[in-house]
Amino acid sequence: MNTLLDGGDEHNDRRVLEGEALFLRVLLAAPGGLASLADATPAEYRTKPYPDGGRWRGSIPKRLAGRGVIGALVADDGRLESHRSPRVARRSGIAVVWKLIDAEAARQRLGALTKLLGQSRPRQPGLFDECDD
């Protein structure tokens, strides 16, 4: 088994990797490479919460920022750029705006994730299976 899916709960790891791939697709397609994690939410979870609360989603931008692929967008006054999440389940909570820093690294990571996720078989359907954009 690939080390990206080893350790811990395989399904949890898979959801993070699927979420990372979806966020990369959104960032690569977004004007100016700007998007929030709320923009990378499958339609069915825009109006209802994730069954487990979705707290694992916070690791997605953290991983990509750690790889130097994205960075938080900072306003002239030094504050993070953000907007209110359109997700009903988040009750209009704050969503940080992220900027694509290295598009080539993003494409390479997306390719690696796509290959990895295609080779591994989830124990249950993946969270983002309906999002084949």
N, C-alpha and C. Protein backbone atom coordinates (compact mmCIF):
# COMPACT_ATOMS: atom_id res chain seq x y z
N MET A 1 0.85 -1.19 0.00
CA MET A 1 0.00 0.00 0.00
C MET A 1 0.89 1.24 0.00
N ASN A 2 0.45 2.29 -0.65
CA ASN A 2 1.21 3.53 -0.73
C ASN A 2 1.28 4.20 0.64
N THR A 3 2.43 4.80 0.97
CA THR A 3 2.62 5.39 2.28
C THR A 3 1.69 6.57 2.54
N LEU A 4 1.16 7.23 1.52
CA LEU A 4 0.23 8.34 1.75
C LEU A 4 -1.06 7.85 2.39
N LEU A 5 -1.40 6.61 2.18
CA LEU A 5 -2.62 6.07 2.75
C LEU A 5 -2.35 5.18 3.94
N ASP A 6 -1.09 4.96 4.30
CA ASP A 6 -0.75 4.12 5.44
C ASP A 6 -0.97 4.86 6.75
N GLY A 7 -1.23 4.11 7.78
CA GLY A 7 -1.33 4.67 9.13
C GLY A 7 -2.68 5.30 9.38
N GLY A 8 -3.14 5.16 10.61
CA GLY A 8 -4.39 5.80 10.99
C GLY A 8 -5.58 5.23 10.25
N ASP A 9 -6.60 6.01 10.13
CA ASP A 9 -7.82 5.61 9.46
C ASP A 9 -7.68 5.87 7.97
N GLU A 10 -7.62 4.80 7.17
CA GLU A 10 -7.42 4.94 5.73
C GLU A 10 -8.48 5.82 5.09
N HIS A 11 -9.73 5.67 5.52
CA HIS A 11 -10.81 6.48 4.94
C HIS A 11 -10.58 7.96 5.24
N ASN A 12 -10.20 8.28 6.45
CA ASN A 12 -9.90 9.67 6.78
C ASN A 12 -8.78 10.21 5.90
N ASP A 13 -7.72 9.46 5.77
CA ASP A 13 -6.61 9.89 4.93
C ASP A 13 -7.07 10.09 3.49
N ARG A 14 -7.88 9.19 3.01
CA ARG A 14 -8.36 9.29 1.64
C ARG A 14 -9.20 10.56 1.45
N ARG A 15 -10.05 10.89 2.43
CA ARG A 15 -10.85 12.10 2.31
C ARG A 15 -9.98 13.34 2.24
N VAL A 16 -8.93 13.37 3.02
CA VAL A 16 -8.02 14.52 2.98
C VAL A 16 -7.35 14.61 1.62
N LEU A 17 -6.89 13.48 1.09
CA LEU A 17 -6.23 13.48 -0.22
C LEU A 17 -7.21 13.86 -1.33
N GLU A 18 -8.45 13.36 -1.25
CA GLU A 18 -9.46 13.74 -2.24
C GLU A 18 -9.78 15.23 -2.14
N GLY A 19 -9.88 15.74 -0.91
CA GLY A 19 -10.13 17.16 -0.71
C GLY A 19 -8.99 18.02 -1.22
N GLU A 20 -7.77 17.55 -1.01
CA GLU A 20 -6.60 18.28 -1.51
C GLU A 20 -6.63 18.34 -3.04
N ALA A 21 -6.95 17.22 -3.68
CA ALA A 21 -7.03 17.19 -5.14
C ALA A 21 -8.12 18.15 -5.65
N LEU A 22 -9.26 18.14 -4.99
CA LEU A 22 -10.35 19.03 -5.40
C LEU A 22 -9.95 20.50 -5.22
N PHE A 23 -9.32 20.83 -4.10
CA PHE A 23 -8.89 22.21 -3.86
C PHE A 23 -7.86 22.64 -4.90
N LEU A 24 -6.96 21.75 -5.27
CA LEU A 24 -5.98 22.08 -6.31
C LEU A 24 -6.68 22.36 -7.65
N ARG A 25 -7.68 21.54 -8.00
CA ARG A 25 -8.41 21.78 -9.25
C ARG A 25 -9.09 23.15 -9.24
N VAL A 26 -9.68 23.49 -8.10
CA VAL A 26 -10.37 24.78 -7.97
C VAL A 26 -9.37 25.92 -8.09
N LEU A 27 -8.25 25.82 -7.39
CA LEU A 27 -7.23 26.88 -7.45
C LEU A 27 -6.66 27.05 -8.85
N LEU A 28 -6.38 25.95 -9.52
CA LEU A 28 -5.82 26.02 -10.88
C LEU A 28 -6.81 26.63 -11.87
N ALA A 29 -8.10 26.44 -11.62
CA ALA A 29 -9.13 26.97 -12.53
C ALA A 29 -9.59 28.38 -12.15
N ALA A 30 -9.28 28.82 -10.94
CA ALA A 30 -9.79 30.10 -10.44
C ALA A 30 -9.04 31.29 -11.05
N PRO A 31 -9.76 32.37 -11.35
CA PRO A 31 -9.10 33.57 -11.84
C PRO A 31 -8.08 34.08 -10.81
N GLY A 32 -6.87 34.27 -11.27
CA GLY A 32 -5.81 34.76 -10.38
C GLY A 32 -5.33 33.72 -9.39
N GLY A 33 -5.83 32.48 -9.48
CA GLY A 33 -5.43 31.43 -8.56
C GLY A 33 -5.88 31.68 -7.14
N LEU A 34 -7.00 32.37 -6.96
CA LEU A 34 -7.53 32.71 -5.63
C LEU A 34 -8.78 31.89 -5.34
N ALA A 35 -8.81 31.26 -4.16
CA ALA A 35 -9.98 30.49 -3.75
C ALA A 35 -9.91 30.21 -2.26
N SER A 36 -11.06 29.90 -1.70
CA SER A 36 -11.12 29.46 -0.31
C SER A 36 -11.52 27.99 -0.30
N LEU A 37 -11.35 27.36 0.81
CA LEU A 37 -11.73 25.96 0.92
C LEU A 37 -13.24 25.79 0.70
N ALA A 38 -14.01 26.82 1.02
CA ALA A 38 -15.46 26.78 0.78
C ALA A 38 -15.76 26.63 -0.71
N ASP A 39 -14.87 27.15 -1.56
CA ASP A 39 -15.06 27.02 -3.01
C ASP A 39 -14.84 25.59 -3.49
N ALA A 40 -14.17 24.79 -2.67
CA ALA A 40 -13.87 23.40 -3.02
C ALA A 40 -14.72 22.44 -2.19
N THR A 41 -15.99 22.76 -2.11
CA THR A 41 -16.92 21.93 -1.34
C THR A 41 -17.89 21.28 -2.31
N PRO A 42 -18.02 19.96 -2.25
CA PRO A 42 -19.00 19.30 -3.12
C PRO A 42 -20.40 19.82 -2.85
N ALA A 43 -21.22 19.85 -3.88
CA ALA A 43 -22.57 20.42 -3.81
C ALA A 43 -23.39 19.89 -2.64
N GLU A 44 -23.32 18.61 -2.38
CA GLU A 44 -24.16 18.04 -1.31
C GLU A 44 -23.77 18.53 0.07
N TYR A 45 -22.56 19.05 0.25
CA TYR A 45 -22.13 19.55 1.56
C TYR A 45 -22.17 21.07 1.65
N ARG A 46 -22.73 21.72 0.65
CA ARG A 46 -22.90 23.17 0.73
C ARG A 46 -24.09 23.53 1.60
N THR A 47 -25.02 22.59 1.73
CA THR A 47 -26.23 22.88 2.50
C THR A 47 -26.37 22.01 3.75
N LYS A 48 -25.48 21.07 3.94
CA LYS A 48 -25.54 20.25 5.15
C LYS A 48 -24.12 20.01 5.65
N PRO A 49 -23.98 19.73 6.94
CA PRO A 49 -22.64 19.50 7.49
C PRO A 49 -22.08 18.14 7.09
N TYR A 50 -20.77 18.00 7.18
CA TYR A 50 -20.15 16.70 6.99
C TYR A 50 -20.57 15.83 8.17
N PRO A 51 -20.75 14.53 7.95
CA PRO A 51 -21.20 13.65 9.04
C PRO A 51 -20.29 13.70 10.27
N ASP A 52 -19.00 13.88 10.07
CA ASP A 52 -18.05 13.92 11.19
C ASP A 52 -17.66 15.33 11.58
N GLY A 53 -18.34 16.33 11.04
CA GLY A 53 -18.04 17.72 11.35
C GLY A 53 -17.07 18.37 10.37
N GLY A 54 -16.30 17.57 9.64
CA GLY A 54 -15.41 18.10 8.61
C GLY A 54 -14.18 18.83 9.11
N ARG A 55 -13.83 18.66 10.36
CA ARG A 55 -12.66 19.37 10.90
C ARG A 55 -11.36 18.96 10.20
N TRP A 56 -11.33 17.80 9.58
CA TRP A 56 -10.17 17.32 8.85
C TRP A 56 -9.85 18.22 7.65
N ARG A 57 -10.82 19.00 7.18
CA ARG A 57 -10.60 19.85 6.00
C ARG A 57 -9.54 20.92 6.25
N GLY A 58 -9.36 21.33 7.49
CA GLY A 58 -8.36 22.35 7.80
C GLY A 58 -6.95 21.92 7.48
N SER A 59 -6.71 20.61 7.42
CA SER A 59 -5.37 20.13 7.10
C SER A 59 -5.03 20.30 5.62
N ILE A 60 -6.04 20.49 4.79
CA ILE A 60 -5.81 20.58 3.34
C ILE A 60 -4.98 21.82 2.98
N PRO A 61 -5.39 23.04 3.32
CA PRO A 61 -4.54 24.18 2.98
C PRO A 61 -3.22 24.17 3.76
N LYS A 62 -3.23 23.63 4.96
CA LYS A 62 -1.99 23.54 5.74
C LYS A 62 -0.95 22.69 5.00
N ARG A 63 -1.38 21.55 4.46
CA ARG A 63 -0.47 20.68 3.70
C ARG A 63 0.07 21.40 2.46
N LEU A 64 -0.83 22.05 1.73
CA LEU A 64 -0.41 22.72 0.49
C LEU A 64 0.48 23.92 0.78
N ALA A 65 0.19 24.65 1.82
CA ALA A 65 1.04 25.78 2.20
C ALA A 65 2.42 25.28 2.64
N GLY A 66 2.44 24.18 3.36
CA GLY A 66 3.70 23.59 3.80
C GLY A 66 4.58 23.14 2.65
N ARG A 67 3.96 22.79 1.54
CA ARG A 67 4.69 22.38 0.33
C ARG A 67 5.07 23.58 -0.53
N GLY A 68 4.64 24.77 -0.13
CA GLY A 68 4.95 25.97 -0.91
C GLY A 68 4.08 26.15 -2.14
N VAL A 69 2.97 25.42 -2.21
CA VAL A 69 2.08 25.48 -3.37
C VAL A 69 1.13 26.67 -3.26
N ILE A 70 0.66 26.96 -2.05
CA ILE A 70 -0.27 28.08 -1.83
C ILE A 70 0.20 28.91 -0.65
N GLY A 71 -0.37 30.08 -0.53
CA GLY A 71 -0.13 30.95 0.62
C GLY A 71 -1.40 31.72 0.91
N ALA A 72 -1.58 32.08 2.16
CA ALA A 72 -2.75 32.88 2.52
C ALA A 72 -2.60 34.26 1.90
N LEU A 73 -3.67 34.80 1.39
CA LEU A 73 -3.66 36.13 0.80
C LEU A 73 -3.72 37.15 1.92
N VAL A 74 -2.78 38.08 1.92
CA VAL A 74 -2.68 39.08 3.00
C VAL A 74 -3.01 40.46 2.43
N ALA A 75 -3.88 41.18 3.12
CA ALA A 75 -4.28 42.53 2.71
C ALA A 75 -3.14 43.51 3.01
N ASP A 76 -3.24 44.72 2.46
CA ASP A 76 -2.22 45.75 2.67
C ASP A 76 -2.03 46.08 4.15
N ASP A 77 -3.09 45.95 4.95
CA ASP A 77 -2.98 46.26 6.37
C ASP A 77 -2.45 45.08 7.20
N GLY A 78 -2.06 43.99 6.52
CA GLY A 78 -1.47 42.85 7.21
C GLY A 78 -2.44 41.78 7.66
N ARG A 79 -3.72 42.02 7.48
CA ARG A 79 -4.71 41.01 7.88
C ARG A 79 -4.93 40.01 6.75
N LEU A 80 -5.32 38.79 7.14
CA LEU A 80 -5.63 37.77 6.15
C LEU A 80 -6.89 38.15 5.39
N GLU A 81 -6.86 37.98 4.09
CA GLU A 81 -8.06 38.18 3.27
C GLU A 81 -8.99 37.00 3.55
N SER A 82 -10.25 37.30 3.73
CA SER A 82 -11.23 36.26 4.00
C SER A 82 -12.60 36.74 3.54
N HIS A 83 -13.53 35.83 3.55
CA HIS A 83 -14.92 36.17 3.26
C HIS A 83 -15.80 35.24 4.08
N ARG A 84 -17.06 35.53 4.11
CA ARG A 84 -18.01 34.67 4.82
C ARG A 84 -18.28 33.45 3.96
N SER A 85 -18.21 32.29 4.56
CA SER A 85 -18.46 31.05 3.83
C SER A 85 -19.92 31.02 3.37
N PRO A 86 -20.14 30.65 2.11
CA PRO A 86 -21.51 30.53 1.63
C PRO A 86 -22.17 29.23 2.10
N ARG A 87 -21.41 28.37 2.76
CA ARG A 87 -21.95 27.09 3.21
C ARG A 87 -22.89 27.29 4.39
N VAL A 88 -24.10 26.82 4.24
CA VAL A 88 -25.11 26.90 5.29
C VAL A 88 -24.61 26.21 6.55
N ALA A 89 -23.96 25.06 6.37
CA ALA A 89 -23.47 24.29 7.51
C ALA A 89 -22.42 25.04 8.33
N ARG A 90 -21.71 25.97 7.71
CA ARG A 90 -20.70 26.75 8.43
C ARG A 90 -21.30 27.99 9.08
N ARG A 91 -22.57 28.23 8.85
CA ARG A 91 -23.28 29.40 9.40
C ARG A 91 -22.52 30.69 9.12
N SER A 92 -22.08 30.82 7.87
CA SER A 92 -21.37 32.03 7.41
C SER A 92 -20.08 32.29 8.17
N GLY A 93 -19.40 31.22 8.59
CA GLY A 93 -18.11 31.37 9.25
C GLY A 93 -17.06 31.95 8.30
N ILE A 94 -15.95 32.36 8.84
CA ILE A 94 -14.88 32.97 8.05
C ILE A 94 -14.16 31.91 7.22
N ALA A 95 -13.92 32.22 5.96
CA ALA A 95 -13.16 31.35 5.05
C ALA A 95 -11.95 32.15 4.55
N VAL A 96 -10.77 31.68 4.84
CA VAL A 96 -9.53 32.35 4.41
C VAL A 96 -9.37 32.19 2.90
N VAL A 97 -8.92 33.24 2.23
CA VAL A 97 -8.66 33.19 0.80
C VAL A 97 -7.20 32.79 0.59
N TRP A 98 -7.00 31.78 -0.23
CA TRP A 98 -5.66 31.27 -0.52
C TRP A 98 -5.27 31.63 -1.95
N LYS A 99 -3.97 31.83 -2.16
CA LYS A 99 -3.44 32.18 -3.48
C LYS A 99 -2.49 31.09 -3.94
N LEU A 100 -2.66 30.68 -5.17
CA LEU A 100 -1.76 29.71 -5.78
C LEU A 100 -0.40 30.38 -5.99
N ILE A 101 0.64 29.82 -5.43
CA ILE A 101 1.98 30.39 -5.54
C ILE A 101 2.79 29.68 -6.62
N ASP A 102 2.67 28.37 -6.69
CA ASP A 102 3.47 27.58 -7.63
C ASP A 102 2.54 26.67 -8.42
N ALA A 103 2.11 27.15 -9.59
CA ALA A 103 1.14 26.40 -10.40
C ALA A 103 1.73 25.08 -10.89
N GLU A 104 3.00 25.06 -11.22
CA GLU A 104 3.62 23.81 -11.70
C GLU A 104 3.64 22.77 -10.59
N ALA A 105 3.99 23.18 -9.38
CA ALA A 105 3.98 22.25 -8.24
C ALA A 105 2.55 21.77 -7.98
N ALA A 106 1.58 22.65 -8.15
CA ALA A 106 0.17 22.27 -7.97
C ALA A 106 -0.23 21.21 -8.99
N ARG A 107 0.15 21.41 -10.24
CA ARG A 107 -0.18 20.42 -11.29
C ARG A 107 0.50 19.08 -11.01
N GLN A 108 1.75 19.11 -10.57
CA GLN A 108 2.47 17.88 -10.25
C GLN A 108 1.81 17.15 -9.08
N ARG A 109 1.45 17.89 -8.04
CA ARG A 109 0.80 17.29 -6.88
C ARG A 109 -0.55 16.72 -7.26
N LEU A 110 -1.31 17.45 -8.07
CA LEU A 110 -2.61 16.97 -8.51
C LEU A 110 -2.45 15.68 -9.32
N GLY A 111 -1.45 15.64 -10.20
CA GLY A 111 -1.19 14.42 -10.97
C GLY A 111 -0.85 13.24 -10.07
N ALA A 112 -0.01 13.48 -9.07
CA ALA A 112 0.37 12.41 -8.14
C ALA A 112 -0.84 11.94 -7.34
N LEU A 113 -1.67 12.87 -6.88
CA LEU A 113 -2.87 12.51 -6.11
C LEU A 113 -3.86 11.74 -6.98
N THR A 114 -4.04 12.18 -8.21
CA THR A 114 -4.96 11.52 -9.13
C THR A 114 -4.52 10.08 -9.37
N LYS A 115 -3.24 9.91 -9.58
CA LYS A 115 -2.69 8.56 -9.81
C LYS A 115 -2.86 7.71 -8.56
N LEU A 116 -2.49 8.26 -7.42
CA LEU A 116 -2.59 7.52 -6.15
C LEU A 116 -4.03 7.13 -5.85
N LEU A 117 -4.94 8.07 -5.97
CA LEU A 117 -6.33 7.80 -5.64
C LEU A 117 -6.97 6.83 -6.64
N GLY A 118 -6.48 6.85 -7.87
CA GLY A 118 -6.98 5.90 -8.87
C GLY A 118 -6.50 4.49 -8.62
N GLN A 119 -5.33 4.34 -7.99
CA GLN A 119 -4.77 3.02 -7.72
C GLN A 119 -5.33 2.39 -6.46
N SER A 120 -5.72 3.22 -5.50
CA SER A 120 -6.21 2.70 -4.23
C SER A 120 -7.72 2.59 -4.28
N ARG A 121 -8.24 1.65 -3.57
CA ARG A 121 -9.69 1.45 -3.54
C ARG A 121 -10.19 1.74 -2.14
N PRO A 122 -11.11 2.69 -1.99
CA PRO A 122 -11.64 3.00 -0.66
C PRO A 122 -12.51 1.86 -0.13
N ARG A 123 -12.58 1.77 1.18
CA ARG A 123 -13.46 0.78 1.80
C ARG A 123 -14.92 1.15 1.58
N GLN A 124 -15.19 2.45 1.47
CA GLN A 124 -16.53 2.93 1.17
C GLN A 124 -16.37 4.01 0.10
N PRO A 125 -17.46 4.41 -0.53
CA PRO A 125 -17.33 5.43 -1.58
C PRO A 125 -16.63 6.68 -1.04
N GLY A 126 -15.79 7.28 -1.88
CA GLY A 126 -15.09 8.49 -1.49
C GLY A 126 -16.03 9.67 -1.37
N LEU A 127 -15.68 10.60 -0.53
CA LEU A 127 -16.50 11.77 -0.25
C LEU A 127 -16.71 12.62 -1.49
N PHE A 128 -15.71 12.66 -2.38
CA PHE A 128 -15.77 13.57 -3.52
C PHE A 128 -15.98 12.83 -4.84
N ASP A 129 -16.48 11.61 -4.79
CA ASP A 129 -16.65 10.83 -6.01
C ASP A 129 -17.53 11.51 -7.04
N GLU A 130 -18.51 12.32 -6.59
CA GLU A 130 -19.42 12.94 -7.53
C GLU A 130 -18.81 14.17 -8.21
N CYS A 131 -17.61 14.56 -7.84
CA CYS A 131 -16.98 15.77 -8.37
C CYS A 131 -15.90 15.42 -9.37
N ASP A 132 -16.26 15.04 -10.54
CA ASP A 132 -15.28 14.72 -11.58
C ASP A 132 -15.18 15.87 -12.55
N ASP A 133 -14.63 17.02 -12.09
CA ASP A 133 -14.53 18.16 -13.00
C ASP A 133 -13.21 18.24 -13.67
